[in-house]
Amino acid sequence: MLDVTVIEDPAAAAVSLDPIRARLLAELAAGPASAAMLAPKVGLPRQKVNYHLKALEKHGLVELAGERRKGNVTERLMRATAASYVISPVALGAVQPDPDRARDQLSARWLLAVAARLVQDVGALLTGAAKAKKRLATYALDGEVRFASAADRAAFIEELTQGVGALVRKYHDGSAEGGRDHRVVIAVHPSVKDPQPRPPLEDRPPLDDRPH
């Protein structure tokens, strides 16, 4: 089972958003189960659960984990194909966010459009890497900083912009044969209050040095 997968097909996205089917996905992420086992958990007859499972299976959101005999019946044990799912903007077709439409580095809505493109691009790359049976080399840094004032925040943004710009100029080689372009995305936004705050960046375990 994958930790997370990206849904690109509009029909699969619609299936995953159905409340009952989303509940079934959550149950199957915890472990394989049959329609009969799931029925009392979601409060539906076995036949109804089986109908929903077939819809999820059709779109690759669940898969057969095995079979078992129970009396005169053979039960199909299903499992989720991932522990969690993210819907790609590709599923929205013509109304998907486009960060090139109105570039504004200080706009929260533009930040959302950039984040949506990140999901879209990484989702497509994961699909390609899976088909090629190769690992995808990526990197992400997630941390928090508390600014004493708006002026400090502005100064931080200025230094961040200059520092990243200098790195890009240092390592970018537009004439490199066989080189591969990489997109750099950096975002700064207020933290959403979390009932279980994460440890400071410097106290977290070291990053895995393998490519992801």
Foldseek 3Di string as FASTA:
>chain_A
DAAEAEAQALQLVVLCPDVLLVVVQQVQLVHWDFLVRCCVVSVHDSVVSVVSVVSNVVRQQKDFPDWDDDPPDITTIIHGPHNYYHYALNSVPPPRADLVPDPDQPDPVSVVSVVSVVSNVVNVVVVVCVVVVHFDFDDDDDFDDDDPDPVRVVVVVVVVVVVVVVVCVVPDDPPDPPDDDDDDDDDDDDDDDDPDDDDGPVPDDDDDPDGD
